[in-house]
Amino acid sequence: MRRMNRLVRLFRALSGETQSAFGETTGVQAVLLAKYELDLVEPSAEHLERMARGAGLTVAAGERLLDDADALRQPRQRAGSGAGGLHEQLAAVVDSVYQRLLRLPPPGCAPRGDATS
């Protein structure tokens, strides 16, 4: 979702109002608020200012809140031994395949154990 649209969601959420009520407070149509929140259209600077005021903030304060929230968000990690463990597992598989390839006869040579003479 685009950052400006995230700001719209933040401002309305902080206001505690429905889209209809927030639209009346800010002078932005509820249908347009819904499009902003669904990331269908990007809000103008004027509408952002109105919605920030409706939430009792400035646009700059809203951006700082988003930055703080992003900094606190922990990245999702899968359970596992990490890249080091994966490296070791892959090395073992590659080594096993390599050892098997070394045991194959070179091209054009008869396999061992054939009695051709």
PDB file of N, CA and C in Angstrom:
ATOM      1  N   MET A   1       0.844  -1.177   0.000  1.00  0.00           N
ATOM      2  CA  MET A   1       0.000   0.000   0.000  1.00  0.00           C
ATOM      3  C   MET A   1       0.890   1.242   0.000  1.00  0.00           C
ATOM      4  N   ARG A   2       0.505   2.217  -0.804  1.00  0.00           N
ATOM      5  CA  ARG A   2       1.280   3.455  -0.887  1.00  0.00           C
ATOM      6  C   ARG A   2       1.258   4.194   0.449  1.00  0.00           C
ATOM      7  N   ARG A   3       2.329   4.895   0.705  1.00  0.00           N
ATOM      8  CA  ARG A   3       2.508   5.574   1.995  1.00  0.00           C
ATOM      9  C   ARG A   3       1.395   6.587   2.271  1.00  0.00           C
ATOM     10  N   MET A   4       1.002   7.366   1.281  1.00  0.00           N
ATOM     11  CA  MET A   4      -0.038   8.379   1.500  1.00  0.00           C
ATOM     12  C   MET A   4      -1.369   7.715   1.867  1.00  0.00           C
ATOM     13  N   ASN A   5      -1.628   6.559   1.286  1.00  0.00           N
ATOM     14  CA  ASN A   5      -2.860   5.844   1.601  1.00  0.00           C
ATOM     15  C   ASN A   5      -2.797   5.264   3.010  1.00  0.00           C
ATOM     16  N   ARG A   6      -1.606   4.849   3.423  1.00  0.00           N
ATOM     17  CA  ARG A   6      -1.435   4.384   4.806  1.00  0.00           C
ATOM     18  C   ARG A   6      -1.691   5.532   5.781  1.00  0.00           C
ATOM     19  N   LEU A   7      -1.295   6.736   5.395  1.00  0.00           N
ATOM     20  CA  LEU A   7      -1.558   7.904   6.245  1.00  0.00           C
ATOM     21  C   LEU A   7      -3.056   8.132   6.409  1.00  0.00           C
ATOM     22  N   VAL A   8      -3.810   7.985   5.327  1.00  0.00           N
ATOM     23  CA  VAL A   8      -5.265   8.150   5.410  1.00  0.00           C
ATOM     24  C   VAL A   8      -5.844   7.162   6.418  1.00  0.00           C
ATOM     25  N   ARG A   9      -5.438   5.913   6.319  1.00  0.00           N
ATOM     26  CA  ARG A   9      -5.921   4.896   7.266  1.00  0.00           C
ATOM     27  C   ARG A   9      -5.545   5.258   8.699  1.00  0.00           C
ATOM     28  N   LEU A  10      -4.310   5.707   8.867  1.00  0.00           N
ATOM     29  CA  LEU A  10      -3.843   6.084  10.197  1.00  0.00           C
ATOM     30  C   LEU A  10      -4.674   7.227  10.761  1.00  0.00           C
ATOM     31  N   PHE A  11      -4.875   8.276   9.982  1.00  0.00           N
ATOM     32  CA  PHE A  11      -5.629   9.435  10.471  1.00  0.00           C
ATOM     33  C   PHE A  11      -7.056   9.059  10.852  1.00  0.00           C
ATOM     34  N   ARG A  12      -7.703   8.270  10.013  1.00  0.00           N
ATOM     35  CA  ARG A  12      -9.078   7.902  10.342  1.00  0.00           C
ATOM     36  C   ARG A  12      -9.117   6.987  11.558  1.00  0.00           C
ATOM     37  N   ALA A  13      -8.172   6.054  11.642  1.00  0.00           N
ATOM     38  CA  ALA A  13      -8.134   5.151  12.798  1.00  0.00           C
ATOM     39  C   ALA A  13      -7.915   5.936  14.090  1.00  0.00           C
ATOM     40  N   LEU A  14      -7.030   6.911  14.043  1.00  0.00           N
ATOM     41  CA  LEU A  14      -6.778   7.711  15.243  1.00  0.00           C
ATOM     42  C   LEU A  14      -7.975   8.594  15.610  1.00  0.00           C
ATOM     43  N   SER A  15      -8.775   8.948  14.624  1.00  0.00           N
ATOM     44  CA  SER A  15      -9.967   9.755  14.907  1.00  0.00           C
ATOM     45  C   SER A  15     -11.035   8.924  15.604  1.00  0.00           C
ATOM     46  N   GLY A  16     -11.011   7.604  15.349  1.00  0.00           N
ATOM     47  CA  GLY A  16     -12.017   6.726  15.947  1.00  0.00           C
ATOM     48  C   GLY A  16     -13.380   6.829  15.287  1.00  0.00           C
ATOM     49  N   GLU A  17     -13.439   7.457  14.145  1.00  0.00           N
ATOM     50  CA  GLU A  17     -14.715   7.662  13.455  1.00  0.00           C
ATOM     51  C   GLU A  17     -14.874   6.693  12.279  1.00  0.00           C
ATOM     52  N   THR A  18     -16.115   6.508  11.880  1.00  0.00           N
ATOM     53  CA  THR A  18     -16.400   5.739  10.677  1.00  0.00           C
ATOM     54  C   THR A  18     -16.002   6.577   9.470  1.00  0.00           C
ATOM     55  N   GLN A  19     -15.987   5.957   8.308  1.00  0.00           N
ATOM     56  CA  GLN A  19     -15.662   6.713   7.102  1.00  0.00           C
ATOM     57  C   GLN A  19     -16.663   7.845   6.881  1.00  0.00           C
ATOM     58  N   SER A  20     -17.926   7.565   7.125  1.00  0.00           N
ATOM     59  CA  SER A  20     -18.949   8.600   6.937  1.00  0.00           C
ATOM     60  C   SER A  20     -18.734   9.770   7.879  1.00  0.00           C
ATOM     61  N   ALA A  21     -18.529   9.464   9.152  1.00  0.00           N
ATOM     62  CA  ALA A  21     -18.348  10.524  10.144  1.00  0.00           C
ATOM     63  C   ALA A  21     -17.051  11.296   9.887  1.00  0.00           C
ATOM     64  N   PHE A  22     -15.980  10.579   9.547  1.00  0.00           N
ATOM     65  CA  PHE A  22     -14.706  11.242   9.278  1.00  0.00           C
ATOM     66  C   PHE A  22     -14.814  12.107   8.027  1.00  0.00           C
ATOM     67  N   GLY A  23     -15.569  11.622   7.060  1.00  0.00           N
ATOM     68  CA  GLY A  23     -15.800  12.409   5.852  1.00  0.00           C
ATOM     69  C   GLY A  23     -16.513  13.707   6.158  1.00  0.00           C
ATOM     70  N   GLU A  24     -17.493  13.655   7.035  1.00  0.00           N
ATOM     71  CA  GLU A  24     -18.207  14.872   7.421  1.00  0.00           C
ATOM     72  C   GLU A  24     -17.295  15.815   8.192  1.00  0.00           C
ATOM     73  N   THR A  25     -16.473  15.274   9.063  1.00  0.00           N
ATOM     74  CA  THR A  25     -15.550  16.078   9.865  1.00  0.00           C
ATOM     75  C   THR A  25     -14.515  16.783   8.994  1.00  0.00           C
ATOM     76  N   THR A  26     -14.015  16.072   7.999  1.00  0.00           N
ATOM     77  CA  THR A  26     -12.912  16.594   7.191  1.00  0.00           C
ATOM     78  C   THR A  26     -13.348  17.246   5.888  1.00  0.00           C
ATOM     79  N   GLY A  27     -14.581  16.997   5.465  1.00  0.00           N
ATOM     80  CA  GLY A  27     -15.045  17.533   4.195  1.00  0.00           C
ATOM     81  C   GLY A  27     -14.608  16.701   3.005  1.00  0.00           C
ATOM     82  N   VAL A  28     -14.184  15.465   3.267  1.00  0.00           N
ATOM     83  CA  VAL A  28     -13.791  14.534   2.194  1.00  0.00           C
ATOM     84  C   VAL A  28     -14.899  13.487   2.090  1.00  0.00           C
ATOM     85  N   GLN A  29     -15.392  13.250   0.889  1.00  0.00           N
ATOM     86  CA  GLN A  29     -16.493  12.305   0.710  1.00  0.00           C
ATOM     87  C   GLN A  29     -16.102  10.915   1.200  1.00  0.00           C
ATOM     88  N   ALA A  30     -17.064  10.238   1.837  1.00  0.00           N
ATOM     89  CA  ALA A  30     -16.819   8.900   2.374  1.00  0.00           C
ATOM     90  C   ALA A  30     -16.424   7.911   1.275  1.00  0.00           C
ATOM     91  N   VAL A  31     -17.008   8.055   0.091  1.00  0.00           N
ATOM     92  CA  VAL A  31     -16.657   7.167  -1.024  1.00  0.00           C
ATOM     93  C   VAL A  31     -15.188   7.353  -1.404  1.00  0.00           C
ATOM     94  N   LEU A  32     -14.724   8.589  -1.380  1.00  0.00           N
ATOM     95  CA  LEU A  32     -13.334   8.874  -1.696  1.00  0.00           C
ATOM     96  C   LEU A  32     -12.414   8.352  -0.596  1.00  0.00           C
ATOM     97  N   LEU A  33     -12.845   8.469   0.658  1.00  0.00           N
ATOM     98  CA  LEU A  33     -12.073   7.898   1.767  1.00  0.00           C
ATOM     99  C   LEU A  33     -11.899   6.394   1.589  1.00  0.00           C
ATOM    100  N   ALA A  34     -12.976   5.730   1.199  1.00  0.00           N
ATOM    101  CA  ALA A  34     -12.907   4.283   0.986  1.00  0.00           C
ATOM    102  C   ALA A  34     -11.907   3.951  -0.125  1.00  0.00           C
ATOM    103  N   LYS A  35     -11.905   4.725  -1.194  1.00  0.00           N
ATOM    104  CA  LYS A  35     -10.958   4.484  -2.293  1.00  0.00           C
ATOM    105  C   LYS A  35      -9.525   4.726  -1.833  1.00  0.00           C
ATOM    106  N   TYR A  36      -9.337   5.741  -0.988  1.00  0.00           N
ATOM    107  CA  TYR A  36      -8.004   5.987  -0.445  1.00  0.00           C
ATOM    108  C   TYR A  36      -7.559   4.792   0.398  1.00  0.00           C
ATOM    109  N   GLU A  37      -8.430   4.323   1.266  1.00  0.00           N
ATOM    110  CA  GLU A  37      -8.076   3.242   2.181  1.00  0.00           C
ATOM    111  C   GLU A  37      -7.894   1.904   1.466  1.00  0.00           C
ATOM    112  N   LEU A  38      -8.500   1.742   0.320  1.00  0.00           N
ATOM    113  CA  LEU A  38      -8.323   0.527  -0.475  1.00  0.00           C
ATOM    114  C   LEU A  38      -7.142   0.647  -1.437  1.00  0.00           C
ATOM    115  N   ASP A  39      -6.450   1.787  -1.389  1.00  0.00           N
ATOM    116  CA  ASP A  39      -5.278   2.046  -2.230  1.00  0.00           C
ATOM    117  C   ASP A  39      -5.643   2.083  -3.714  1.00  0.00           C
ATOM    118  N   LEU A  40      -6.857   2.535  -4.014  1.00  0.00           N
ATOM    119  CA  LEU A  40      -7.292   2.628  -5.403  1.00  0.00           C
ATOM    120  C   LEU A  40      -6.878   3.949  -6.033  1.00  0.00           C
ATOM    121  N   VAL A  41      -6.900   5.014  -5.236  1.00  0.00           N
ATOM    122  CA  VAL A  41      -6.444   6.331  -5.685  1.00  0.00           C
ATOM    123  C   VAL A  41      -5.598   6.946  -4.581  1.00  0.00           C
ATOM    124  N   GLU A  42      -4.708   7.838  -4.970  1.00  0.00           N
ATOM    125  CA  GLU A  42      -3.834   8.481  -3.989  1.00  0.00           C
ATOM    126  C   GLU A  42      -4.427   9.833  -3.605  1.00  0.00           C
ATOM    127  N   PRO A  43      -4.429  10.145  -2.311  1.00  0.00           N
ATOM    128  CA  PRO A  43      -5.020  11.412  -1.875  1.00  0.00           C
ATOM    129  C   PRO A  43      -4.160  12.611  -2.273  1.00  0.00           C
ATOM    130  N   SER A  44      -4.814  13.733  -2.471  1.00  0.00           N
ATOM    131  CA  SER A  44      -4.087  14.967  -2.757  1.00  0.00           C
ATOM    132  C   SER A  44      -3.485  15.503  -1.461  1.00  0.00           C
ATOM    133  N   ALA A  45      -2.562  16.428  -1.603  1.00  0.00           N
ATOM    134  CA  ALA A  45      -1.927  17.038  -0.426  1.00  0.00           C
ATOM    135  C   ALA A  45      -2.973  17.770   0.415  1.00  0.00           C
ATOM    136  N   GLU A  46      -3.919  18.415  -0.240  1.00  0.00           N
ATOM    137  CA  GLU A  46      -4.980  19.144   0.481  1.00  0.00           C
ATOM    138  C   GLU A  46      -5.833  18.193   1.310  1.00  0.00           C
ATOM    139  N   HIS A  47      -6.219  17.064   0.724  1.00  0.00           N
ATOM    140  CA  HIS A  47      -7.025  16.098   1.464  1.00  0.00           C
ATOM    141  C   HIS A  47      -6.244  15.501   2.625  1.00  0.00           C
ATOM    142  N   LEU A  48      -4.958  15.248   2.421  1.00  0.00           N
ATOM    143  CA  LEU A  48      -4.131  14.734   3.516  1.00  0.00           C
ATOM    144  C   LEU A  48      -4.092  15.720   4.678  1.00  0.00           C
ATOM    145  N   GLU A  49      -3.943  16.998   4.358  1.00  0.00           N
ATOM    146  CA  GLU A  49      -3.925  18.031   5.404  1.00  0.00           C
ATOM    147  C   GLU A  49      -5.252  18.047   6.170  1.00  0.00           C
ATOM    148  N   ARG A  50      -6.348  17.974   5.445  1.00  0.00           N
ATOM    149  CA  ARG A  50      -7.674  17.965   6.096  1.00  0.00           C
ATOM    150  C   ARG A  50      -7.828  16.765   7.024  1.00  0.00           C
ATOM    151  N   MET A  51      -7.414  15.601   6.531  1.00  0.00           N
ATOM    152  CA  MET A  51      -7.576  14.392   7.342  1.00  0.00           C
ATOM    153  C   MET A  51      -6.635  14.399   8.538  1.00  0.00           C
ATOM    154  N   ALA A  52      -5.438  14.945   8.370  1.00  0.00           N
ATOM    155  CA  ALA A  52      -4.518  15.063   9.503  1.00  0.00           C
ATOM    156  C   ALA A  52      -5.125  15.959  10.573  1.00  0.00           C
ATOM    157  N   ARG A  53      -5.687  17.092  10.151  1.00  0.00           N
ATOM    158  CA  ARG A  53      -6.344  17.995  11.118  1.00  0.00           C
ATOM    159  C   ARG A  53      -7.523  17.300  11.783  1.00  0.00           C
ATOM    160  N   GLY A  54      -8.257  16.485  11.005  1.00  0.00           N
ATOM    161  CA  GLY A  54      -9.400  15.758  11.559  1.00  0.00           C
ATOM    162  C   GLY A  54      -8.984  14.777  12.646  1.00  0.00           C
ATOM    163  N   ALA A  55      -7.737  14.310  12.573  1.00  0.00           N
ATOM    164  CA  ALA A  55      -7.213  13.386  13.581  1.00  0.00           C
ATOM    165  C   ALA A  55      -6.452  14.133  14.676  1.00  0.00           C
ATOM    166  N   GLY A  56      -6.354  15.465  14.541  1.00  0.00           N
ATOM    167  CA  GLY A  56      -5.638  16.259  15.532  1.00  0.00           C
ATOM    168  C   GLY A  56      -4.134  16.217  15.350  1.00  0.00           C
ATOM    169  N   LEU A  57      -3.676  15.979  14.118  1.00  0.00           N
ATOM    170  CA  LEU A  57      -2.245  15.871  13.827  1.00  0.00           C
ATOM    171  C   LEU A  57      -1.876  16.732  12.625  1.00  0.00           C
ATOM    172  N   THR A  58      -0.616  16.692  12.283  1.00  0.00           N
ATOM    173  CA  THR A  58      -0.138  17.240  11.015  1.00  0.00           C
ATOM    174  C   THR A  58       0.285  16.060  10.140  1.00  0.00           C
ATOM    175  N   VAL A  59       0.453  16.303   8.861  1.00  0.00           N
ATOM    176  CA  VAL A  59       0.910  15.239   7.964  1.00  0.00           C
ATOM    177  C   VAL A  59       2.302  14.776   8.393  1.00  0.00           C
ATOM    178  N   ALA A  60       3.160  15.721   8.770  1.00  0.00           N
ATOM    179  CA  ALA A  60       4.516  15.362   9.200  1.00  0.00           C
ATOM    180  C   ALA A  60       4.480  14.473  10.437  1.00  0.00           C
ATOM    181  N   ALA A  61       3.578  14.761  11.370  1.00  0.00           N
ATOM    182  CA  ALA A  61       3.468  13.927  12.572  1.00  0.00           C
ATOM    183  C   ALA A  61       2.975  12.526  12.206  1.00  0.00           C
ATOM    184  N   GLY A  62       2.059  12.438  11.261  1.00  0.00           N
ATOM    185  CA  GLY A  62       1.580  11.140  10.797  1.00  0.00           C
ATOM    186  C   GLY A  62       2.694  10.339  10.149  1.00  0.00           C
ATOM    187  N   GLU A  63       3.544  11.019   9.363  1.00  0.00           N
ATOM    188  CA  GLU A  63       4.670  10.334   8.725  1.00  0.00           C
ATOM    189  C   GLU A  63       5.659   9.819   9.765  1.00  0.00           C
ATOM    190  N   ARG A  64       5.881  10.603  10.824  1.00  0.00           N
ATOM    191  CA  ARG A  64       6.774  10.132  11.894  1.00  0.00           C
ATOM    192  C   ARG A  64       6.185   8.910  12.589  1.00  0.00           C
ATOM    193  N   LEU A  65       4.871   8.896  12.780  1.00  0.00           N
ATOM    194  CA  LEU A  65       4.223   7.727  13.390  1.00  0.00           C
ATOM    195  C   LEU A  65       4.402   6.487  12.514  1.00  0.00           C
ATOM    196  N   LEU A  66       4.241   6.651  11.205  1.00  0.00           N
ATOM    197  CA  LEU A  66       4.440   5.514  10.299  1.00  0.00           C
ATOM    198  C   LEU A  66       5.888   5.032  10.338  1.00  0.00           C
ATOM    199  N   ASP A  67       6.832   5.974  10.375  1.00  0.00           N
ATOM    200  CA  ASP A  67       8.248   5.598  10.455  1.00  0.00           C
ATOM    201  C   ASP A  67       8.521   4.810  11.729  1.00  0.00           C
ATOM    202  N   ASP A  68       7.965   5.273  12.854  1.00  0.00           N
ATOM    203  CA  ASP A  68       8.164   4.583  14.126  1.00  0.00           C
ATOM    204  C   ASP A  68       7.551   3.186  14.089  1.00  0.00           C
ATOM    205  N   ALA A  69       6.361   3.083  13.524  1.00  0.00           N
ATOM    206  CA  ALA A  69       5.698   1.774  13.433  1.00  0.00           C
ATOM    207  C   ALA A  69       6.514   0.818  12.562  1.00  0.00           C
ATOM    208  N   ASP A  70       7.054   1.318  11.457  1.00  0.00           N
ATOM    209  CA  ASP A  70       7.877   0.479  10.584  1.00  0.00           C
ATOM    210  C   ASP A  70       9.155   0.033  11.284  1.00  0.00           C
ATOM    211  N   ALA A  71       9.735   0.918  12.079  1.00  0.00           N
ATOM    212  CA  ALA A  71      10.970   0.571  12.793  1.00  0.00           C
ATOM    213  C   ALA A  71      10.713  -0.487  13.862  1.00  0.00           C
ATOM    214  N   LEU A  72       9.546  -0.459  14.461  1.00  0.00           N
ATOM    215  CA  LEU A  72       9.225  -1.423  15.514  1.00  0.00           C
ATOM    216  C   LEU A  72       8.764  -2.766  14.979  1.00  0.00           C
ATOM    217  N   ARG A  73       8.314  -2.780  13.733  1.00  0.00           N
ATOM    218  CA  ARG A  73       7.811  -4.019  13.148  1.00  0.00           C
ATOM    219  C   ARG A  73       8.965  -4.993  12.973  1.00  0.00           C
ATOM    220  N   GLN A  74       8.805  -6.177  13.489  1.00  0.00           N
ATOM    221  CA  GLN A  74       9.833  -7.208  13.376  1.00  0.00           C
ATOM    222  C   GLN A  74       9.624  -7.979  12.086  1.00  0.00           C
ATOM    223  N   PRO A  75      10.688  -8.252  11.344  1.00  0.00           N
ATOM    224  CA  PRO A  75      10.530  -9.041  10.124  1.00  0.00           C
ATOM    225  C   PRO A  75      10.129 -10.475  10.468  1.00  0.00           C
ATOM    226  N   ARG A  76       9.308 -11.040   9.634  1.00  0.00           N
ATOM    227  CA  ARG A  76       8.897 -12.428   9.828  1.00  0.00           C
ATOM    228  C   ARG A  76      10.059 -13.348   9.498  1.00  0.00           C
ATOM    229  N   GLN A  77      10.248 -14.340  10.334  1.00  0.00           N
ATOM    230  CA  GLN A  77      11.303 -15.309  10.078  1.00  0.00           C
ATOM    231  C   GLN A  77      10.744 -16.706  10.225  1.00  0.00           C
ATOM    232  N   ARG A  78      11.168 -17.560   9.321  1.00  0.00           N
ATOM    233  CA  ARG A  78      10.770 -18.962   9.409  1.00  0.00           C
ATOM    234  C   ARG A  78      11.635 -19.651  10.440  1.00  0.00           C
ATOM    235  N   ALA A  79      11.056 -20.639  11.080  1.00  0.00           N
ATOM    236  CA  ALA A  79      11.831 -21.440  12.021  1.00  0.00           C
ATOM    237  C   ALA A  79      12.849 -22.260  11.242  1.00  0.00           C
ATOM    238  N   GLY A  80      14.020 -22.389  11.769  1.00  0.00           N
ATOM    239  CA  GLY A  80      15.047 -23.168  11.097  1.00  0.00           C
ATOM    240  C   GLY A  80      16.410 -22.844  11.657  1.00  0.00           C
ATOM    241  N   SER A  81      17.392 -23.499  11.107  1.00  0.00           N
ATOM    242  CA  SER A  81      18.743 -23.319  11.620  1.00  0.00           C
ATOM    243  C   SER A  81      19.451 -22.141  10.971  1.00  0.00           C
ATOM    244  N   GLY A  82      18.811 -21.441  10.080  1.00  0.00           N
ATOM    245  CA  GLY A  82      19.414 -20.291   9.449  1.00  0.00           C
ATOM    246  C   GLY A  82      20.207 -20.662   8.207  1.00  0.00           C
ATOM    247  N   ALA A  83      20.807 -19.668   7.613  1.00  0.00           N
ATOM    248  CA  ALA A  83      21.541 -19.867   6.366  1.00  0.00           C
ATOM    249  C   ALA A  83      22.762 -20.762   6.565  1.00  0.00           C
ATOM    250  N   GLY A  84      23.383 -20.686   7.732  1.00  0.00           N
ATOM    251  CA  GLY A  84      24.548 -21.536   7.994  1.00  0.00           C
ATOM    252  C   GLY A  84      24.190 -23.005   7.911  1.00  0.00           C
ATOM    253  N   GLY A  85      23.095 -23.378   8.523  1.00  0.00           N
ATOM    254  CA  GLY A  85      22.650 -24.768   8.470  1.00  0.00           C
ATOM    255  C   GLY A  85      22.285 -25.195   7.064  1.00  0.00           C
ATOM    256  N   LEU A  86      21.669 -24.304   6.316  1.00  0.00           N
ATOM    257  CA  LEU A  86      21.302 -24.613   4.940  1.00  0.00           C
ATOM    258  C   LEU A  86      22.560 -24.814   4.098  1.00  0.00           C
ATOM    259  N   HIS A  87      23.550 -23.989   4.323  1.00  0.00           N
ATOM    260  CA  HIS A  87      24.814 -24.115   3.598  1.00  0.00           C
ATOM    261  C   HIS A  87      25.440 -25.483   3.837  1.00  0.00           C
ATOM    262  N   GLU A  88      25.445 -25.916   5.077  1.00  0.00           N
ATOM    263  CA  GLU A  88      26.020 -27.226   5.409  1.00  0.00           C
ATOM    264  C   GLU A  88      25.242 -28.367   4.756  1.00  0.00           C
ATOM    265  N   GLN A  89      23.922 -28.264   4.772  1.00  0.00           N
ATOM    266  CA  GLN A  89      23.104 -29.309   4.160  1.00  0.00           C
ATOM    267  C   GLN A  89      23.341 -29.374   2.657  1.00  0.00           C
ATOM    268  N   LEU A  90      23.388 -28.221   2.001  1.00  0.00           N
ATOM    269  CA  LEU A  90      23.629 -28.201   0.560  1.00  0.00           C
ATOM    270  C   LEU A  90      25.021 -28.726   0.224  1.00  0.00           C
ATOM    271  N   ALA A  91      26.001 -28.375   1.042  1.00  0.00           N
ATOM    272  CA  ALA A  91      27.360 -28.858   0.805  1.00  0.00           C
ATOM    273  C   ALA A  91      27.410 -30.375   0.888  1.00  0.00           C
ATOM    274  N   ALA A  92      26.688 -30.958   1.832  1.00  0.00           N
ATOM    275  CA  ALA A  92      26.671 -32.415   1.975  1.00  0.00           C
ATOM    276  C   ALA A  92      26.032 -33.071   0.748  1.00  0.00           C
ATOM    277  N   VAL A  93      24.945 -32.501   0.250  1.00  0.00           N
ATOM    278  CA  VAL A  93      24.279 -33.053  -0.936  1.00  0.00           C
ATOM    279  C   VAL A  93      25.192 -32.947  -2.152  1.00  0.00           C
ATOM    280  N   VAL A  94      25.807 -31.785  -2.342  1.00  0.00           N
ATOM    281  CA  VAL A  94      26.706 -31.595  -3.487  1.00  0.00           C
ATOM    282  C   VAL A  94      27.881 -32.559  -3.396  1.00  0.00           C
ATOM    283  N   ASP A  95      28.449 -32.726  -2.222  1.00  0.00           N
ATOM    284  CA  ASP A  95      29.574 -33.651  -2.051  1.00  0.00           C
ATOM    285  C   ASP A  95      29.165 -35.071  -2.391  1.00  0.00           C
ATOM    286  N   SER A  96      27.988 -35.491  -1.944  1.00  0.00           N
ATOM    287  CA  SER A  96      27.502 -36.844  -2.220  1.00  0.00           C
ATOM    288  C   SER A  96      27.332 -37.067  -3.723  1.00  0.00           C
ATOM    289  N   VAL A  97      26.740 -36.108  -4.408  1.00  0.00           N
ATOM    290  CA  VAL A  97      26.549 -36.231  -5.853  1.00  0.00           C
ATOM    291  C   VAL A  97      27.898 -36.246  -6.558  1.00  0.00           C
ATOM    292  N   TYR A  98      28.807 -35.397  -6.136  1.00  0.00           N
ATOM    293  CA  TYR A  98      30.143 -35.351  -6.728  1.00  0.00           C
ATOM    294  C   TYR A  98      30.862 -36.693  -6.570  1.00  0.00           C
ATOM    295  N   GLN A  99      30.798 -37.305  -5.403  1.00  0.00           N
ATOM    296  CA  GLN A  99      31.442 -38.602  -5.174  1.00  0.00           C
ATOM    297  C   GLN A  99      30.846 -39.677  -6.075  1.00  0.00           C
ATOM    298  N   ARG A 100      29.541 -39.646  -6.287  1.00  0.00           N
ATOM    299  CA  ARG A 100      28.899 -40.616  -7.186  1.00  0.00           C
ATOM    300  C   ARG A 100      29.378 -40.419  -8.622  1.00  0.00           C
ATOM    301  N   LEU A 101      29.496 -39.138  -9.031  1.00  0.00           N
ATOM    302  CA  LEU A 101      29.958 -38.863 -10.396  1.00  0.00           C
ATOM    303  C   LEU A 101      31.385 -39.361 -10.607  1.00  0.00           C
ATOM    304  N   LEU A 102      32.223 -39.250  -9.599  1.00  0.00           N
ATOM    305  CA  LEU A 102      33.606 -39.720  -9.721  1.00  0.00           C
ATOM    306  C   LEU A 102      33.677 -41.233  -9.905  1.00  0.00           C
ATOM    307  N   ARG A 103      32.694 -41.952  -9.403  1.00  0.00           N
ATOM    308  CA  ARG A 103      32.692 -43.415  -9.518  1.00  0.00           C
ATOM    309  C   ARG A 103      32.210 -43.893 -10.885  1.00  0.00           C
ATOM    310  N   LEU A 104      31.610 -43.035 -11.674  1.00  0.00           N
ATOM    311  CA  LEU A 104      31.142 -43.432 -13.002  1.00  0.00           C
ATOM    312  C   LEU A 104      32.332 -43.606 -13.936  1.00  0.00           C
ATOM    313  N   PRO A 105      32.229 -44.574 -14.863  1.00  0.00           N
ATOM    314  CA  PRO A 105      33.327 -44.744 -15.821  1.00  0.00           C
ATOM    315  C   PRO A 105      33.333 -43.571 -16.798  1.00  0.00           C
ATOM    316  N   PRO A 106      34.503 -43.225 -17.303  1.00  0.00           N
ATOM    317  CA  PRO A 106      34.569 -42.150 -18.299  1.00  0.00           C
ATOM    318  C   PRO A 106      33.785 -42.551 -19.542  1.00  0.00           C
ATOM    319  N   PRO A 107      33.317 -41.603 -20.304  1.00  0.00           N
ATOM    320  CA  PRO A 107      32.566 -41.930 -21.521  1.00  0.00           C
ATOM    321  C   PRO A 107      33.405 -42.747 -22.487  1.00  0.00           C
ATOM    322  N   GLY A 108      32.828 -43.752 -23.082  1.00  0.00           N
ATOM    323  CA  GLY A 108      33.512 -44.596 -24.055  1.00  0.00           C
ATOM    324  C   GLY A 108      34.255 -45.774 -23.442  1.00  0.00           C
ATOM    325  N   CYS A 109      34.303 -45.862 -22.124  1.00  0.00           N
ATOM    326  CA  CYS A 109      34.970 -46.999 -21.469  1.00  0.00           C
ATOM    327  C   CYS A 109      33.929 -48.023 -21.105  1.00  0.00           C
ATOM    328  N   ALA A 110      34.347 -49.267 -21.199  1.00  0.00           N
ATOM    329  CA  ALA A 110      33.460 -50.365 -20.798  1.00  0.00           C
ATOM    330  C   ALA A 110      33.375 -50.374 -19.283  1.00  0.00           C
ATOM    331  N   PRO A 111      32.218 -50.657 -18.732  1.00  0.00           N
ATOM    332  CA  PRO A 111      32.095 -50.747 -17.289  1.00  0.00           C
ATOM    333  C   PRO A 111      32.942 -51.887 -16.749  1.00  0.00           C
ATOM    334  N   ARG A 112      33.404 -51.788 -15.530  1.00  0.00           N
ATOM    335  CA  ARG A 112      34.203 -52.838 -14.898  1.00  0.00           C
ATOM    336  C   ARG A 112      33.414 -54.121 -14.758  1.00  0.00           C
ATOM    337  N   GLY A 113      34.108 -55.211 -14.895  1.00  0.00           N
ATOM    338  CA  GLY A 113      33.442 -56.503 -14.698  1.00  0.00           C
ATOM    339  C   GLY A 113      32.919 -57.091 -15.996  1.00  0.00           C
ATOM    340  N   ASP A 114      32.959 -56.352 -17.100  1.00  0.00           N
ATOM    341  CA  ASP A 114      32.503 -56.908 -18.381  1.00  0.00           C
ATOM    342  C   ASP A 114      33.599 -57.783 -18.957  1.00  0.00           C
ATOM    343  N   ALA A 115      33.245 -58.968 -19.401  1.00  0.00           N
ATOM    344  CA  ALA A 115      34.212 -59.885 -20.028  1.00  0.00           C
ATOM    345  C   ALA A 115      34.028 -59.795 -21.531  1.00  0.00           C
ATOM    346  N   THR A 116      34.696 -58.847 -22.148  1.00  0.00           N
ATOM    347  CA  THR A 116      34.533 -58.664 -23.591  1.00  0.00           C
ATOM    348  C   THR A 116      35.641 -59.356 -24.374  1.00  0.00           C
ATOM    349  N   SER A 117      36.707 -59.851 -23.735  1.00  0.00           N
ATOM    350  CA  SER A 117      37.756 -60.475 -24.494  1.00  0.00           C
ATOM    351  C   SER A 117      37.821 -61.966 -24.272  1.00  0.00           C
TER     352      SER A 117
END
